[in-house]
Each structure stands twice: as C-alpha cells, then as structure tokens.
Amino acid sequence: MKLELATERDNERLIQYFEQATIPGPIRLRIRRMTNFFNQYRLQSDDIETYMLVNDKNDIEGLATLVFRDAILDGNRQTIAYATDLRVSPTRRAVLSWSRHFLPVIERARESRNCHYFFSVVASSQRQAYNAFIRPRNFRRQLPRYHLFRRLQLVSLHGLWPFHPAPLPGIRIRSASPGDLDVLTDYLVKKSTTKPLRYMATADDFVKNLTRWQDLDIANFLLAFDKSNKLIGCVAPWKAERIQRIYTADYEAKAKNLQDLSRVMSWLRIGHALPYEGHELETRYLTHLHADNPDIFYSLLYNAYHNAGKKEVLVYAHFDGDLITMPPHSFLSASLNFGLYCILSPQDPIPDFLRPKIVSVPPEFEPAFI
C-alpha cells in the first residue's frame, strides 16, 4: 500500500469511499459530501491536504485530511493543523499501513509550514481508532502519540419537556442585522481572549472567517441583550445541507428507545422525531455559541429550537468543566463523547498547555467541523 496526496481529480471516488464508511455509536451514521469533497474543509482554510491510502489495485483503503490554520495557541500566534475525517478500512493491513505512513506526513508538514502542533477529534465509540492510534499495544513502534487536550460531548437537542420554564423576561433575543457587526465582533473577540486555543484576535479575523462559511452571514445570528441593551450572548444556527448531509444507518437499543420517544413527542408537538434507518438526519449546528451565564444560554437554545424546522436536530459542543453550556434539563437531549487530542511525535516533549489545570477553559471549537 502507498499514501497519495488527493487532488480535485479524485473528488468522485473520495465521496464514494467516504460515504461507505460508517461512524460507530448509538446511532450509526453515514456522511455524504455534496458536489465537492473538499468544500467542508474550505470553511476553515484554503491550506488543506487530503491523503489517500491506496492498495495495489488503486482502491482507497483509508483517508484523512490536514487543515492548516493560523491560530493563537497558549498565547502565541502560530500555524496549527487539524487532522480530521480519518477513515480506514477495517482490515489489519490497512490499519497498520496507515499508522506507518502517517508519522512521515506529520514530519514533512512540520518542516514545510513550521507547524508544531496537530489536533484531532476522536469519538470514544470509534474503538478501532482508539486501539490503533490512541492506545497502541506496542509503544516501541514509531507512531504519532495522541495526548488528550480536552474532553467534550456533542449534544443534540430533540425536544422540550412539558411544563418547561420560559426564558427570563429580562433577556431579549433578536436576529442580527448588518448594523450589529461591530458590537458582535467586539463581543466574540472578548469571549475568545481567555481560551487556550482560539482563532479570533481582532475583528478582521472574525470577518475573514465568516466569509468562508457557505450559507452563513450576519443575518443568521441570534443576539441576546439585557435591559441595558448590552450584548450578553449569541449563536448562529447553521445548516450544512449544501456541503454535506448525515444519514442514519441503524440504531442500537438505547438509541432506538430515544427514536421511539422522539416520535411520541413529535405526535404531541413537543419534540422533533428522529428519522428511520437510511433517512437523512436533518442537523442544524449551533455555531459561534457564547453566553455570559446559564440563563442566557438557555434563552439562546430556546429561541434557536423554536426557529428550527420540525425535523431538525440542534447540535452544539459542550466541554467538560464548562458549567454554562451544560444541557438544560428542560430539553430532551442526547450526547456523544469525544476527545480533542494533540498529536505529537514520539520524541516531542509534552507542552505546558497539555498539562492538567484546576480551571479548564474550553478552546474555541465548532461542532460543524467534526
């Protein structure tokens, strides 16, 4: 087997292989890229590299993408890489071949871009990836080392329980307009200042990132204001249907119970039903989600839920230790466990930002990029 750098000419077969691989979990999922395989990564950067592991028949046996971004990590502006969409065929040969080829890719990227740190998100349900990359049995092999940066959950909101509390009347939610751009950018930059990994240091950083998002602009934002007309929270619900779509392959027993419950709640008009196997899971990501306290956070979720379609599931990221973004009890919700890892070479020392801290501030992270 050999590792090749993919180009636009490989678009169709990348889409086909990517859709064939399922994501394990309580709900097994398939992801279908629409039109162009690479558009998902261009939401973040133009500097991307997708690698394919191909066999002797030139069939794809594995793939992954590196997205290089300008970021501020532990207070220093630098180039980082985000390794995403790892897919490897479930054969021992493919897994071992991928492990052997991936470390040289990291080393070359470090030298060519002066990129020292690589990050990746791995679901706890992906046992094959955990055993092959995160918990390898033989530590003598020259493999990349995965070090946990933060634990997170991908939270999905499916309905509101009866007799749920209404949002506080002192919190006013409205849609943003072009005239709100300055106050919104100031708020987002302020919110990101304390984060150990962030991408926004100035208003220009936010504007540049926003222009990359297909089907997302200032009018999509919901803004929360207090009685003094001060901005105290925001969220931008976003649907990725023109970039990629998610389909359910099958449900495990617990997920099947959630599906049945969601259908009952849908009949009672207090929830959004999960689709049958093989149908699209309509997802709306809650991007740029910030709030000054849990009451504001609840108000933003409440309004985003009531603005969503009848079949849409709202999804956001919650990091361990973040008390503001804990799923409110008023919602019927589910969650999937993930780990955000920093990938280092075997000889690399562990940087300070990976060492445990008493106060764990979450990094800047968008669930739409998983």
Protein backbone atom coordinates (compact mmCIF):
# COMPACT_ATOMS: atom_id res chain seq x y z
CA MET A 1 0.00 0.00 0.00
CA LYS A 2 1.06 3.58 -0.57
CA LEU A 3 -0.03 7.03 0.57
CA GLU A 4 -1.02 9.60 -2.08
CA LEU A 5 -1.99 13.26 -1.92
CA ALA A 6 -5.53 13.66 -3.28
CA THR A 7 -6.48 16.27 -5.87
CA GLU A 8 -9.71 17.53 -7.41
CA ARG A 9 -9.45 14.67 -9.93
CA ASP A 10 -10.09 12.25 -7.06
CA ASN A 11 -13.27 14.03 -5.98
CA GLU A 12 -15.81 11.38 -7.02
CA ARG A 13 -14.02 8.37 -5.57
CA LEU A 14 -13.30 10.26 -2.35
CA ILE A 15 -17.01 10.97 -1.99
CA GLN A 16 -17.87 7.31 -2.64
CA TYR A 17 -15.34 5.91 -0.16
CA PHE A 18 -16.23 8.49 2.48
CA GLU A 19 -19.93 7.63 2.31
CA GLN A 20 -19.27 3.88 2.55
CA ALA A 21 -17.54 4.23 5.93
CA THR A 22 -19.95 4.43 8.86
CA ILE A 23 -19.37 6.26 12.13
CA PRO A 24 -19.98 3.87 15.06
CA GLY A 25 -22.08 4.86 18.04
CA PRO A 26 -25.59 4.50 19.48
CA ILE A 27 -26.76 5.77 16.09
CA ARG A 28 -24.51 4.51 13.29
CA LEU A 29 -24.19 7.30 10.73
CA ARG A 30 -23.14 7.82 7.15
CA ILE A 31 -21.96 11.19 5.83
CA ARG A 32 -22.48 12.16 2.21
CA ARG A 33 -20.43 15.01 0.76
CA MET A 34 -22.38 17.14 -1.68
CA THR A 35 -20.81 18.09 -5.04
CA ASN A 36 -17.25 18.72 -3.81
CA PHE A 37 -15.46 16.65 -1.18
CA PHE A 38 -13.15 19.50 -0.18
CA ASN A 39 -15.79 22.22 0.50
CA GLN A 40 -16.17 21.09 4.12
CA TYR A 41 -12.53 21.98 4.82
CA ARG A 42 -12.64 25.30 2.97
CA LEU A 43 -14.94 26.58 5.70
CA GLN A 44 -11.77 26.85 7.78
CA SER A 45 -8.84 27.34 5.41
CA ASP A 46 -7.57 27.18 1.84
CA ASP A 47 -4.46 25.33 3.02
CA ILE A 48 -5.61 21.70 3.10
CA GLU A 49 -4.11 18.32 2.29
CA THR A 50 -6.12 15.12 1.89
CA TYR A 51 -4.17 11.86 1.90
CA MET A 52 -5.38 8.55 0.47
CA LEU A 53 -4.07 5.11 1.34
CA VAL A 54 -4.41 3.06 -1.84
CA ASN A 55 -3.80 -0.65 -2.43
CA ASP A 56 -2.21 -2.42 -5.40
CA LYS A 57 -5.48 -2.14 -7.36
CA ASN A 58 -5.54 1.63 -6.73
CA ASP A 59 -8.60 1.29 -4.48
CA ILE A 60 -8.83 3.60 -1.48
CA GLU A 61 -8.24 1.83 1.84
CA GLY A 62 -8.01 4.92 4.05
CA LEU A 63 -8.02 8.70 4.04
CA ALA A 64 -7.58 11.72 6.27
CA THR A 65 -7.33 15.46 5.80
CA LEU A 66 -5.00 18.03 7.36
CA VAL A 67 -6.41 21.55 7.66
CA PHE A 68 -3.76 24.19 8.38
CA ARG A 69 -4.93 27.33 10.19
CA ASP A 70 -3.50 30.45 11.72
CA ALA A 71 -4.32 30.27 15.44
CA ILE A 72 -3.36 31.57 18.85
CA LEU A 73 -2.27 28.64 20.99
CA ASP A 74 -1.37 29.20 24.64
CA GLY A 75 -0.97 32.93 23.91
CA ASN A 76 1.28 32.54 20.82
CA ARG A 77 0.15 33.09 17.23
CA GLN A 78 1.25 30.20 15.05
CA THR A 79 0.17 27.73 12.38
CA ILE A 80 -1.59 24.62 13.67
CA ALA A 81 -3.05 21.64 11.83
CA TYR A 82 -6.38 19.92 12.39
CA ALA A 83 -6.39 16.26 11.35
CA THR A 84 -9.94 15.27 10.51
CA ASP A 85 -12.17 12.72 8.79
CA LEU A 86 -9.93 9.73 9.41
CA ARG A 87 -11.39 6.73 7.62
CA VAL A 88 -9.52 3.40 7.43
CA SER A 89 -10.87 0.14 6.05
CA PRO A 90 -11.46 -2.42 8.85
CA THR A 91 -8.54 -4.68 7.95
CA ARG A 92 -5.35 -5.21 9.93
CA ARG A 93 -3.21 -4.47 6.89
CA ALA A 94 -4.93 -1.14 6.25
CA VAL A 95 -4.70 -0.02 9.89
CA LEU A 96 -1.00 -0.94 10.20
CA SER A 97 -0.16 0.63 6.84
CA TRP A 98 -1.90 3.87 7.80
CA SER A 99 -0.10 4.03 11.15
CA ARG A 100 3.25 3.55 9.44
CA HIS A 101 2.63 6.25 6.79
CA PHE A 102 1.05 8.97 8.95
CA LEU A 103 4.09 9.96 11.04
CA PRO A 104 6.23 10.95 7.99
CA VAL A 105 3.32 13.12 6.80
CA ILE A 106 3.35 14.99 10.10
CA GLU A 107 7.11 15.45 9.98
CA ARG A 108 7.03 16.82 6.43
CA ALA A 109 4.22 19.25 7.30
CA ARG A 110 6.16 20.49 10.29
CA GLU A 111 9.18 21.35 8.20
CA SER A 112 7.33 22.88 5.25
CA ARG A 113 4.91 25.03 7.27
CA ASN A 114 6.72 25.43 10.60
CA CYS A 115 3.68 23.76 12.16
CA HIS A 116 4.47 22.23 15.55
CA TYR A 117 1.06 21.09 16.80
CA PHE A 118 -1.56 18.86 15.23
CA PHE A 119 -5.03 18.34 16.72
CA SER A 120 -7.71 15.75 16.07
CA VAL A 121 -11.13 14.79 17.44
CA VAL A 122 -11.83 11.10 18.09
CA ALA A 123 -15.15 9.68 19.24
CA SER A 124 -15.00 7.28 22.18
CA SER A 125 -17.20 4.90 20.17
CA GLN A 126 -14.51 4.57 17.49
CA ARG A 127 -12.80 1.61 19.17
CA GLN A 128 -10.69 0.78 16.15
CA ALA A 129 -9.16 4.26 16.07
CA TYR A 130 -8.62 4.21 19.84
CA ASN A 131 -6.81 0.88 19.81
CA ALA A 132 -4.70 1.66 16.74
CA PHE A 133 -3.70 5.27 17.43
CA ILE A 134 -4.50 6.38 20.99
CA ARG A 135 -3.84 3.20 22.96
CA PRO A 136 -1.36 1.20 20.85
CA ARG A 137 -0.19 -2.04 22.45
CA ASN A 138 3.40 -1.67 21.33
CA PHE A 139 4.92 1.67 22.35
CA ARG A 140 8.25 0.78 20.74
CA ARG A 141 6.79 1.38 17.29
CA GLN A 142 7.42 4.82 15.82
CA LEU A 143 3.83 6.08 15.83
CA PRO A 144 2.33 9.52 16.48
CA ARG A 145 1.38 9.98 20.15
CA TYR A 146 -2.15 11.19 20.92
CA HIS A 147 -2.31 13.36 24.07
CA LEU A 148 -5.70 14.41 25.44
CA PHE A 149 -6.26 18.18 25.29
CA ARG A 150 -9.94 18.37 26.31
CA ARG A 151 -12.92 16.04 26.63
CA LEU A 152 -16.15 17.15 25.01
CA GLN A 153 -19.64 15.98 24.21
CA LEU A 154 -21.58 16.59 21.06
CA VAL A 155 -25.03 17.44 22.44
CA SER A 156 -28.15 17.05 20.33
CA LEU A 157 -31.48 18.65 21.28
CA HIS A 158 -34.63 16.76 20.26
CA GLY A 159 -37.49 18.36 22.17
CA LEU A 160 -38.73 20.40 25.12
CA TRP A 161 -40.35 18.58 28.03
CA PRO A 162 -43.88 19.69 29.03
CA PHE A 163 -44.13 22.42 31.67
CA HIS A 164 -40.62 23.64 30.94
CA PRO A 165 -39.73 27.08 32.31
CA ALA A 166 -39.87 30.06 29.98
CA PRO A 167 -36.69 32.12 29.44
CA LEU A 168 -36.16 35.03 31.80
CA PRO A 169 -38.15 38.06 30.59
CA GLY A 170 -35.18 40.37 31.12
CA ILE A 171 -33.26 38.64 28.32
CA ARG A 172 -34.21 39.93 24.87
CA ILE A 173 -33.39 37.78 21.82
CA ARG A 174 -33.49 39.08 18.26
CA SER A 175 -31.95 38.38 14.87
CA ALA A 176 -28.82 40.30 13.96
CA SER A 177 -28.59 42.89 11.20
CA PRO A 178 -25.58 44.36 9.35
CA GLY A 179 -25.62 47.24 11.84
CA ASP A 180 -24.78 44.80 14.65
CA LEU A 181 -21.48 43.69 13.11
CA ASP A 182 -19.22 45.90 15.23
CA VAL A 183 -20.80 45.05 18.57
CA LEU A 184 -20.91 41.35 17.65
CA THR A 185 -17.24 41.19 16.64
CA ASP A 186 -16.21 43.03 19.82
CA TYR A 187 -18.17 40.53 21.90
CA LEU A 188 -16.75 37.47 20.13
CA VAL A 189 -13.16 38.71 20.36
CA LYS A 190 -13.65 39.45 24.06
CA LYS A 191 -15.10 35.97 24.66
CA SER A 192 -12.20 34.25 22.93
CA THR A 193 -9.46 36.16 24.78
CA THR A 194 -9.08 33.64 27.63
CA LYS A 195 -9.31 30.49 25.51
CA PRO A 196 -6.17 28.35 25.26
CA LEU A 197 -6.80 27.75 21.54
CA ARG A 198 -8.53 30.43 19.50
CA TYR A 199 -8.73 31.87 16.02
CA MET A 200 -10.05 35.37 16.65
CA ALA A 201 -7.78 38.11 17.98
CA THR A 202 -9.23 41.01 16.00
CA ALA A 203 -12.48 41.95 14.30
CA ASP A 204 -10.85 41.26 10.92
CA ASP A 205 -10.23 37.65 11.97
CA PHE A 206 -13.96 37.15 12.54
CA VAL A 207 -14.97 38.83 9.29
CA LYS A 208 -12.49 36.73 7.28
CA ASN A 209 -13.71 33.51 8.90
CA LEU A 210 -17.35 34.43 8.36
CA THR A 211 -16.83 34.99 4.63
CA ARG A 212 -15.67 31.36 4.34
CA TRP A 213 -18.90 29.94 5.70
CA GLN A 214 -21.25 28.98 2.89
CA ASP A 215 -24.87 29.91 3.76
CA LEU A 216 -23.87 31.75 6.95
CA ASP A 217 -23.88 35.52 7.36
CA ILE A 218 -24.68 38.16 9.96
CA ALA A 219 -28.45 37.70 9.50
CA ASN A 220 -28.23 34.10 10.77
CA PHE A 221 -27.07 35.20 14.24
CA LEU A 222 -29.39 35.37 17.23
CA LEU A 223 -28.29 38.02 19.71
CA ALA A 224 -29.14 38.23 23.40
CA PHE A 225 -29.40 41.64 25.10
CA ASP A 226 -30.06 42.67 28.70
CA LYS A 227 -32.32 45.52 29.84
CA SER A 228 -29.49 47.99 29.23
CA ASN A 229 -29.21 46.82 25.59
CA LYS A 230 -25.83 45.23 26.29
CA LEU A 231 -24.91 42.17 24.22
CA ILE A 232 -24.69 39.18 26.59
CA GLY A 233 -24.84 36.17 24.25
CA CYS A 234 -25.04 34.99 20.66
CA VAL A 235 -25.49 31.92 18.47
CA ALA A 236 -25.57 31.31 14.72
CA PRO A 237 -27.69 28.25 13.76
CA TRP A 238 -26.27 26.83 10.53
CA LYS A 239 -27.34 24.04 8.21
CA ALA A 240 -24.67 22.26 6.14
CA GLU A 241 -27.05 20.66 3.61
CA ARG A 242 -25.24 22.10 0.57
CA ILE A 243 -21.87 20.84 1.83
CA GLN A 244 -22.64 17.50 3.46
CA ARG A 245 -25.63 15.53 4.75
CA ILE A 246 -25.92 12.92 7.50
CA TYR A 247 -27.92 9.69 7.17
CA THR A 248 -28.80 7.11 9.82
CA ALA A 249 -27.54 3.58 9.11
CA ASP A 250 -29.07 1.86 12.15
CA TYR A 251 -29.91 2.33 15.83
CA GLU A 252 -28.66 0.47 18.89
CA ALA A 253 -31.19 -0.49 21.58
CA LYS A 254 -30.80 2.68 23.67
CA ALA A 255 -30.87 4.90 20.60
CA LYS A 256 -33.96 3.04 19.36
CA ASN A 257 -35.70 3.98 22.62
CA LEU A 258 -34.75 7.62 22.03
CA GLN A 259 -36.10 7.38 18.48
CA ASP A 260 -39.42 5.97 19.75
CA LEU A 261 -39.65 8.65 22.44
CA SER A 262 -38.88 11.41 19.94
CA ARG A 263 -41.69 10.17 17.68
CA VAL A 264 -44.18 10.21 20.54
CA MET A 265 -43.08 13.73 21.43
CA SER A 266 -43.42 14.71 17.78
CA TRP A 267 -47.03 13.47 17.72
CA LEU A 268 -47.66 15.56 20.84
CA ARG A 269 -45.93 18.53 19.12
CA ILE A 270 -43.31 18.88 21.84
CA GLY A 271 -40.36 17.31 20.04
CA HIS A 272 -38.64 16.60 16.72
CA ALA A 273 -38.73 12.98 15.54
CA LEU A 274 -35.56 11.08 14.68
CA PRO A 275 -35.63 9.60 11.16
CA TYR A 276 -35.96 5.93 10.23
CA GLU A 277 -32.87 3.96 9.17
CA GLY A 278 -31.48 5.11 5.85
CA HIS A 279 -33.10 8.55 6.02
CA GLU A 280 -31.45 11.93 6.47
CA LEU A 281 -30.79 13.23 9.96
CA GLU A 282 -31.51 16.91 9.44
CA THR A 283 -28.93 18.75 11.53
CA ARG A 284 -28.59 22.40 12.40
CA TYR A 285 -25.30 23.30 14.10
CA LEU A 286 -25.27 25.96 16.80
CA THR A 287 -22.11 27.81 15.77
CA HIS A 288 -20.46 30.79 17.48
CA LEU A 289 -22.31 29.90 20.68
CA HIS A 290 -21.43 32.17 23.62
CA ALA A 291 -23.31 33.27 26.72
CA ASP A 292 -22.44 35.12 29.91
CA ASN A 293 -24.39 32.74 32.18
CA PRO A 294 -26.59 29.60 32.01
CA ASP A 295 -29.87 31.59 31.88
CA ILE A 296 -28.70 33.41 28.75
CA PHE A 297 -27.51 30.11 27.29
CA TYR A 298 -30.96 28.57 27.89
CA SER A 299 -32.66 31.54 26.22
CA LEU A 300 -30.49 31.16 23.13
CA LEU A 301 -31.19 27.41 22.88
CA TYR A 302 -34.91 28.01 23.47
CA ASN A 303 -35.17 30.53 20.63
CA ALA A 304 -32.97 28.50 18.26
CA TYR A 305 -35.13 25.42 18.91
CA HIS A 306 -38.38 27.26 18.16
CA ASN A 307 -36.88 28.67 14.95
CA ALA A 308 -35.74 25.22 13.74
CA GLY A 309 -37.61 23.00 11.31
CA LYS A 310 -39.93 20.25 12.56
CA LYS A 311 -37.43 17.51 11.67
CA GLU A 312 -34.22 19.30 12.60
CA VAL A 313 -31.88 18.29 15.42
CA LEU A 314 -29.86 21.07 17.05
CA VAL A 315 -26.22 20.20 17.79
CA TYR A 316 -23.59 22.00 19.87
CA ALA A 317 -20.32 21.18 21.64
CA HIS A 318 -20.03 21.03 25.44
CA PHE A 319 -16.58 20.72 27.03
CA ASP A 320 -16.04 19.09 30.42
CA GLY A 321 -15.86 21.71 33.13
CA ASP A 322 -17.88 24.35 31.25
CA LEU A 323 -20.86 24.97 33.56
CA ILE A 324 -22.56 27.44 31.20
CA THR A 325 -23.06 25.03 28.30
CA MET A 326 -24.35 22.03 30.24
CA PRO A 327 -27.51 20.66 28.55
CA PRO A 328 -30.56 22.22 30.25
CA HIS A 329 -32.92 19.73 31.90
CA SER A 330 -35.86 21.29 30.05
CA PHE A 331 -34.66 19.70 26.78
CA LEU A 332 -34.84 16.13 25.63
CA SER A 333 -31.18 15.73 24.73
CA ALA A 334 -28.57 13.12 23.89
CA SER A 335 -24.79 13.30 23.77
CA LEU A 336 -21.79 11.58 22.19
CA ASN A 337 -18.40 11.57 23.91
CA PHE A 338 -15.32 12.82 22.08
CA GLY A 339 -11.74 13.66 22.89
CA LEU A 340 -9.81 16.58 21.40
CA TYR A 341 -6.24 15.29 21.09
CA CYS A 342 -2.90 16.88 20.32
CA ILE A 343 -0.78 14.66 18.07
CA LEU A 344 2.96 14.67 18.84
CA SER A 345 5.93 12.74 17.56
CA PRO A 346 7.39 10.13 19.96
CA GLN A 347 10.40 12.31 20.77
CA ASP A 348 8.42 15.54 21.39
CA PRO A 349 8.22 16.92 24.95
CA ILE A 350 4.73 17.49 26.31
CA PRO A 351 3.90 21.24 26.11
CA ASP A 352 2.51 23.16 29.07
CA PHE A 353 -0.94 23.63 27.55
CA LEU A 354 -1.48 19.84 27.69
CA ARG A 355 -0.73 19.58 31.40
CA PRO A 356 -3.75 19.31 33.76
CA LYS A 357 -5.08 22.57 35.20
CA ILE A 358 -7.52 23.23 38.02
CA VAL A 359 -9.56 25.69 35.91
CA SER A 360 -10.18 24.29 32.46
CA VAL A 361 -11.29 26.95 29.97
CA PRO A 362 -12.64 25.35 26.77
CA PRO A 363 -10.89 26.05 23.45
CA GLU A 364 -12.58 27.72 20.51
CA PHE A 365 -14.21 24.87 18.63
CA GLU A 366 -17.07 24.46 16.18
CA PRO A 367 -19.04 21.18 16.11
CA ALA A 368 -19.67 21.66 12.39
CA PHE A 369 -16.00 20.83 11.76
CA ILE A 370 -16.09 17.34 13.32
